[in-house]
N, C-alpha and C. Protein backbone atom coordinates (compact mmCIF):
# COMPACT_ATOMS: atom_id res chain seq x y z
N UNK A 1 -9.82 -30.16 -37.96
CA UNK A 1 -9.94 -28.78 -37.70
C UNK A 1 -10.31 -28.52 -36.23
N UNK A 2 -11.34 -29.25 -35.76
CA UNK A 2 -11.72 -29.10 -34.35
C UNK A 2 -10.61 -29.51 -33.39
N UNK A 3 -9.83 -30.53 -33.84
CA UNK A 3 -8.78 -30.94 -33.00
C UNK A 3 -7.66 -29.89 -32.80
N UNK A 4 -7.43 -29.23 -33.91
CA UNK A 4 -6.45 -28.10 -33.93
C UNK A 4 -6.96 -26.95 -33.04
N UNK A 5 -8.21 -26.64 -33.21
CA UNK A 5 -8.84 -25.57 -32.41
C UNK A 5 -8.82 -25.93 -30.90
N UNK A 6 -9.08 -27.23 -30.51
CA UNK A 6 -9.00 -27.60 -29.22
C UNK A 6 -7.61 -27.56 -28.64
N UNK A 7 -6.60 -27.87 -29.44
CA UNK A 7 -5.23 -27.78 -29.00
C UNK A 7 -4.83 -26.37 -28.74
N UNK A 8 -5.21 -25.47 -29.64
CA UNK A 8 -4.86 -24.04 -29.41
C UNK A 8 -5.61 -23.47 -28.20
N UNK A 9 -6.77 -23.81 -28.02
CA UNK A 9 -7.51 -23.38 -26.80
C UNK A 9 -6.87 -23.92 -25.50
N UNK A 10 -6.44 -25.11 -25.55
CA UNK A 10 -5.75 -25.66 -24.34
C UNK A 10 -4.47 -24.96 -24.02
N UNK A 11 -3.73 -24.58 -25.06
CA UNK A 11 -2.50 -23.80 -24.87
C UNK A 11 -2.79 -22.40 -24.37
N UNK A 12 -3.83 -21.72 -24.78
CA UNK A 12 -4.17 -20.38 -24.34
C UNK A 12 -4.69 -20.39 -22.95
N UNK A 13 -5.56 -21.42 -22.61
CA UNK A 13 -6.17 -21.43 -21.30
C UNK A 13 -5.31 -22.18 -20.25
N UNK A 14 -4.15 -22.64 -20.61
CA UNK A 14 -3.30 -23.33 -19.70
C UNK A 14 -2.88 -22.44 -18.56
N UNK A 15 -3.14 -22.89 -17.32
CA UNK A 15 -2.75 -22.12 -16.21
C UNK A 15 -1.20 -22.02 -16.13
N UNK A 16 -0.69 -20.88 -15.71
CA UNK A 16 0.70 -20.67 -15.61
C UNK A 16 0.99 -19.33 -15.08
N UNK A 17 2.26 -18.83 -15.27
CA UNK A 17 2.55 -17.51 -14.79
C UNK A 17 1.73 -16.48 -15.61
N UNK A 18 1.48 -15.29 -14.87
CA UNK A 18 0.69 -14.24 -15.50
C UNK A 18 1.39 -13.77 -16.72
N UNK A 19 0.61 -13.54 -17.71
CA UNK A 19 1.10 -13.03 -19.00
C UNK A 19 0.51 -11.66 -19.30
N UNK A 20 1.22 -10.81 -19.97
CA UNK A 20 0.61 -9.53 -20.33
C UNK A 20 1.41 -8.94 -21.47
N UNK A 21 0.78 -8.01 -22.15
CA UNK A 21 1.41 -7.33 -23.28
C UNK A 21 2.48 -6.35 -22.85
N UNK A 22 2.12 -5.54 -21.84
CA UNK A 22 3.01 -4.52 -21.34
C UNK A 22 3.81 -5.08 -20.22
N UNK A 23 5.06 -4.56 -20.03
CA UNK A 23 5.91 -5.12 -18.97
C UNK A 23 5.27 -4.97 -17.58
N UNK A 24 4.56 -3.89 -17.34
CA UNK A 24 3.98 -3.71 -16.03
C UNK A 24 2.82 -4.67 -15.72
N UNK A 25 2.35 -5.32 -16.81
CA UNK A 25 1.35 -6.37 -16.62
C UNK A 25 1.85 -7.71 -16.27
N UNK A 26 3.14 -7.86 -16.45
CA UNK A 26 3.80 -9.14 -16.17
C UNK A 26 4.25 -9.21 -14.74
N UNK A 27 3.41 -9.62 -13.85
CA UNK A 27 3.71 -9.71 -12.40
C UNK A 27 3.54 -11.08 -11.99
N UNK A 28 4.24 -11.49 -10.98
CA UNK A 28 4.02 -12.80 -10.36
C UNK A 28 2.91 -12.68 -9.34
N UNK A 29 2.04 -13.67 -9.34
CA UNK A 29 0.94 -13.58 -8.34
C UNK A 29 1.40 -13.62 -6.94
N UNK A 30 0.53 -13.11 -6.05
CA UNK A 30 0.89 -13.14 -4.57
C UNK A 30 0.92 -14.57 -4.11
N UNK A 31 1.67 -14.79 -3.07
CA UNK A 31 1.72 -16.07 -2.50
C UNK A 31 0.41 -16.40 -1.80
N UNK A 32 -0.17 -17.56 -1.96
CA UNK A 32 -1.39 -18.01 -1.30
C UNK A 32 -1.19 -18.12 0.22
N UNK A 33 0.04 -18.18 0.71
CA UNK A 33 0.29 -18.37 2.13
C UNK A 33 0.42 -17.07 2.81
N UNK A 34 0.70 -15.96 2.15
CA UNK A 34 0.86 -14.67 2.87
C UNK A 34 -0.34 -13.81 2.67
N UNK A 35 -0.58 -12.94 3.57
CA UNK A 35 -1.59 -11.92 3.42
C UNK A 35 -1.22 -11.02 2.29
N UNK A 36 -2.27 -10.56 1.53
CA UNK A 36 -1.92 -9.63 0.40
C UNK A 36 -1.25 -8.37 0.86
N UNK A 37 -0.42 -7.79 -0.02
CA UNK A 37 0.21 -6.46 0.34
C UNK A 37 -0.86 -5.39 0.10
N UNK A 38 -0.82 -4.42 0.94
CA UNK A 38 -1.80 -3.31 0.78
C UNK A 38 -1.11 -1.98 1.21
N UNK A 39 -1.69 -0.90 0.64
CA UNK A 39 -1.11 0.44 0.97
C UNK A 39 -2.23 1.26 1.54
N UNK A 40 -1.80 1.93 2.65
CA UNK A 40 -2.71 2.81 3.35
C UNK A 40 -2.24 4.29 2.98
N UNK A 41 -3.07 5.11 2.44
CA UNK A 41 -2.71 6.48 2.17
C UNK A 41 -3.38 7.38 3.24
N UNK A 42 -2.53 8.13 3.97
CA UNK A 42 -3.03 9.07 5.00
C UNK A 42 -2.80 10.51 4.47
N UNK A 43 -3.94 11.20 4.19
CA UNK A 43 -3.82 12.60 3.80
C UNK A 43 -4.36 13.39 4.98
N UNK A 44 -3.51 14.17 5.67
CA UNK A 44 -3.87 14.81 6.93
C UNK A 44 -3.63 16.30 6.88
N UNK A 45 -4.67 17.11 7.31
CA UNK A 45 -4.49 18.54 7.46
C UNK A 45 -5.31 18.97 8.70
N UNK A 46 -4.63 19.70 9.57
CA UNK A 46 -5.26 20.19 10.80
C UNK A 46 -6.00 19.16 11.58
N UNK A 47 -5.42 17.98 11.75
CA UNK A 47 -6.10 16.86 12.41
C UNK A 47 -5.37 16.40 13.67
N UNK A 48 -4.52 17.21 14.24
CA UNK A 48 -3.79 16.83 15.41
C UNK A 48 -4.70 16.27 16.57
N UNK A 49 -5.97 16.87 16.69
CA UNK A 49 -6.83 16.48 17.75
C UNK A 49 -7.29 15.07 17.60
N UNK A 50 -7.40 14.56 16.35
CA UNK A 50 -7.94 13.18 16.18
C UNK A 50 -6.95 12.19 15.75
N UNK A 51 -5.72 12.64 15.42
CA UNK A 51 -4.64 11.68 14.96
C UNK A 51 -4.30 10.61 16.00
N UNK A 52 -4.24 10.87 17.28
CA UNK A 52 -3.91 9.78 18.19
C UNK A 52 -4.90 8.55 18.13
N UNK A 53 -6.18 8.89 17.95
CA UNK A 53 -7.19 7.83 17.87
C UNK A 53 -7.05 7.13 16.51
N UNK A 54 -6.81 7.87 15.45
CA UNK A 54 -6.76 7.28 14.10
C UNK A 54 -5.45 6.41 13.99
N UNK A 55 -4.32 6.92 14.47
CA UNK A 55 -3.12 6.22 14.34
C UNK A 55 -3.09 4.94 15.22
N UNK A 56 -3.69 5.01 16.38
CA UNK A 56 -3.79 3.82 17.23
C UNK A 56 -4.66 2.76 16.57
N UNK A 57 -5.70 3.13 15.85
CA UNK A 57 -6.49 2.16 15.13
C UNK A 57 -5.71 1.50 14.01
N UNK A 58 -4.85 2.24 13.39
CA UNK A 58 -3.95 1.58 12.32
C UNK A 58 -3.04 0.55 13.05
N UNK A 59 -2.48 0.97 14.19
CA UNK A 59 -1.55 0.09 14.86
C UNK A 59 -2.30 -1.21 15.33
N UNK A 60 -3.58 -1.06 15.63
CA UNK A 60 -4.33 -2.19 16.17
C UNK A 60 -4.98 -3.04 15.12
N UNK A 61 -4.69 -2.79 13.86
CA UNK A 61 -5.24 -3.63 12.81
C UNK A 61 -4.82 -5.07 12.90
N UNK A 62 -5.71 -5.96 12.65
CA UNK A 62 -5.39 -7.40 12.71
C UNK A 62 -4.85 -7.82 11.27
N UNK A 63 -3.73 -7.26 10.92
CA UNK A 63 -3.08 -7.52 9.58
C UNK A 63 -1.59 -7.39 9.74
N UNK A 64 -0.82 -8.25 9.15
CA UNK A 64 0.64 -8.23 9.31
C UNK A 64 1.22 -6.86 8.87
N UNK A 65 1.92 -6.18 9.73
CA UNK A 65 2.44 -4.85 9.40
C UNK A 65 3.51 -4.90 8.31
N UNK A 66 4.18 -6.06 8.21
CA UNK A 66 5.22 -6.15 7.20
C UNK A 66 4.59 -6.30 5.80
N UNK A 67 3.26 -6.36 5.73
CA UNK A 67 2.58 -6.45 4.41
C UNK A 67 1.82 -5.17 4.15
N UNK A 68 2.08 -4.14 4.96
CA UNK A 68 1.43 -2.82 4.75
C UNK A 68 2.42 -1.75 4.37
N UNK A 69 2.10 -1.00 3.32
CA UNK A 69 2.89 0.20 3.05
C UNK A 69 2.06 1.43 3.42
N UNK A 70 2.78 2.43 3.96
CA UNK A 70 2.15 3.68 4.37
C UNK A 70 2.62 4.79 3.45
N UNK A 71 1.65 5.58 2.95
CA UNK A 71 1.96 6.86 2.18
C UNK A 71 1.29 7.94 2.92
N UNK A 72 2.08 8.83 3.51
CA UNK A 72 1.54 9.86 4.45
C UNK A 72 1.91 11.23 3.91
N UNK A 73 0.90 12.02 3.70
CA UNK A 73 1.08 13.42 3.22
C UNK A 73 0.36 14.38 4.12
N UNK A 74 0.93 15.59 4.26
CA UNK A 74 0.28 16.61 5.02
C UNK A 74 0.81 17.97 4.53
N UNK A 75 -0.08 18.96 4.61
CA UNK A 75 0.41 20.30 4.18
C UNK A 75 -0.51 21.41 4.83
N UNK A 76 0.05 22.60 4.89
CA UNK A 76 -0.66 23.78 5.30
C UNK A 76 -1.39 23.65 6.67
N UNK A 77 -0.76 23.15 7.69
CA UNK A 77 -1.46 22.84 8.96
C UNK A 77 -1.31 24.16 9.83
N UNK A 78 -2.45 24.38 10.51
CA UNK A 78 -2.39 25.44 11.49
C UNK A 78 -2.14 24.92 12.89
N UNK A 79 -2.16 23.61 13.07
CA UNK A 79 -1.85 22.93 14.30
C UNK A 79 -0.63 22.10 14.16
N UNK A 80 -0.33 21.24 15.09
CA UNK A 80 0.91 20.44 15.02
C UNK A 80 0.66 19.01 14.42
N UNK A 81 -0.12 18.97 13.39
CA UNK A 81 -0.42 17.66 12.68
C UNK A 81 0.93 17.07 12.15
N UNK A 82 1.81 17.91 11.58
CA UNK A 82 3.08 17.46 11.02
C UNK A 82 3.95 16.83 12.07
N UNK A 83 4.03 17.50 13.26
CA UNK A 83 4.91 16.95 14.34
C UNK A 83 4.31 15.64 14.83
N UNK A 84 2.99 15.50 15.00
CA UNK A 84 2.38 14.33 15.46
C UNK A 84 2.68 13.15 14.54
N UNK A 85 2.45 13.44 13.24
CA UNK A 85 2.70 12.33 12.20
C UNK A 85 4.18 11.96 12.19
N UNK A 86 5.02 12.98 12.20
CA UNK A 86 6.53 12.66 12.14
C UNK A 86 6.94 11.83 13.33
N UNK A 87 6.48 12.19 14.54
CA UNK A 87 6.84 11.41 15.70
C UNK A 87 6.33 9.97 15.60
N UNK A 88 5.09 9.81 15.13
CA UNK A 88 4.50 8.45 15.06
C UNK A 88 5.26 7.66 14.02
N UNK A 89 5.58 8.25 12.86
CA UNK A 89 6.28 7.46 11.80
C UNK A 89 7.71 7.09 12.23
N UNK A 90 8.37 7.97 12.95
CA UNK A 90 9.72 7.59 13.44
C UNK A 90 9.61 6.30 14.34
N UNK A 91 8.60 6.26 15.11
CA UNK A 91 8.41 5.11 16.04
C UNK A 91 7.96 3.75 15.40
N UNK A 92 7.24 3.89 14.26
CA UNK A 92 6.69 2.65 13.68
C UNK A 92 7.23 2.34 12.27
N UNK A 93 8.05 3.17 11.68
CA UNK A 93 8.45 2.90 10.36
C UNK A 93 9.18 1.56 10.15
N UNK A 94 9.90 1.06 11.16
CA UNK A 94 10.62 -0.17 10.98
C UNK A 94 9.66 -1.44 11.00
N UNK A 95 8.37 -1.23 11.43
CA UNK A 95 7.45 -2.35 11.45
C UNK A 95 6.78 -2.55 10.11
N UNK A 96 6.70 -1.52 9.37
CA UNK A 96 5.96 -1.63 8.04
C UNK A 96 6.80 -1.88 6.86
N UNK A 97 6.16 -2.47 5.83
CA UNK A 97 6.90 -2.84 4.63
C UNK A 97 7.58 -1.63 3.96
N UNK A 98 6.88 -0.48 3.88
CA UNK A 98 7.44 0.68 3.23
C UNK A 98 6.67 1.93 3.82
N UNK A 99 7.38 2.99 4.01
CA UNK A 99 6.85 4.20 4.52
C UNK A 99 7.32 5.39 3.64
N UNK A 100 6.36 6.14 3.08
CA UNK A 100 6.63 7.34 2.26
C UNK A 100 6.08 8.51 3.02
N UNK A 101 6.88 9.50 3.34
CA UNK A 101 6.54 10.67 4.18
C UNK A 101 6.66 11.91 3.29
N UNK A 102 5.56 12.65 3.08
CA UNK A 102 5.54 13.76 2.20
C UNK A 102 4.90 15.00 3.00
N UNK A 103 5.70 15.69 3.79
CA UNK A 103 5.21 16.90 4.45
C UNK A 103 5.43 18.17 3.50
N UNK A 104 4.59 19.01 3.56
CA UNK A 104 4.79 20.26 2.84
C UNK A 104 4.21 21.44 3.67
N UNK A 105 5.15 22.38 4.10
CA UNK A 105 4.65 23.40 4.94
C UNK A 105 4.20 24.63 4.14
N UNK A 106 4.75 24.90 3.04
CA UNK A 106 4.39 26.09 2.26
C UNK A 106 3.87 25.64 0.91
N UNK A 107 2.98 26.45 0.29
CA UNK A 107 2.41 26.15 -1.02
C UNK A 107 3.60 26.26 -2.10
N UNK A 108 3.38 25.57 -3.17
CA UNK A 108 4.38 25.60 -4.24
C UNK A 108 4.31 26.85 -5.00
């Protein structure tokens, strides 16, 4: 009996690919040789005055840009935040893994 229990435990605890009940839980682990993928969400409103400092700090991160996804949203700006973000994203989007741009000028 204990031998059977030990056999079952060894099968359950055996290291291997990630298992999960739901399909979204079945993912392959990240490579130990690459930096982990990460997403930065930028939610900006009326921040044109500080965006150059903030965006340059993102550019200066000591992290591979091809492992960073950017999700950028802005809405209802009284200044030119949308134009500053759009110009910056056009210049850097090819460096990053993925860029999602969500501007909204008028309320829904």
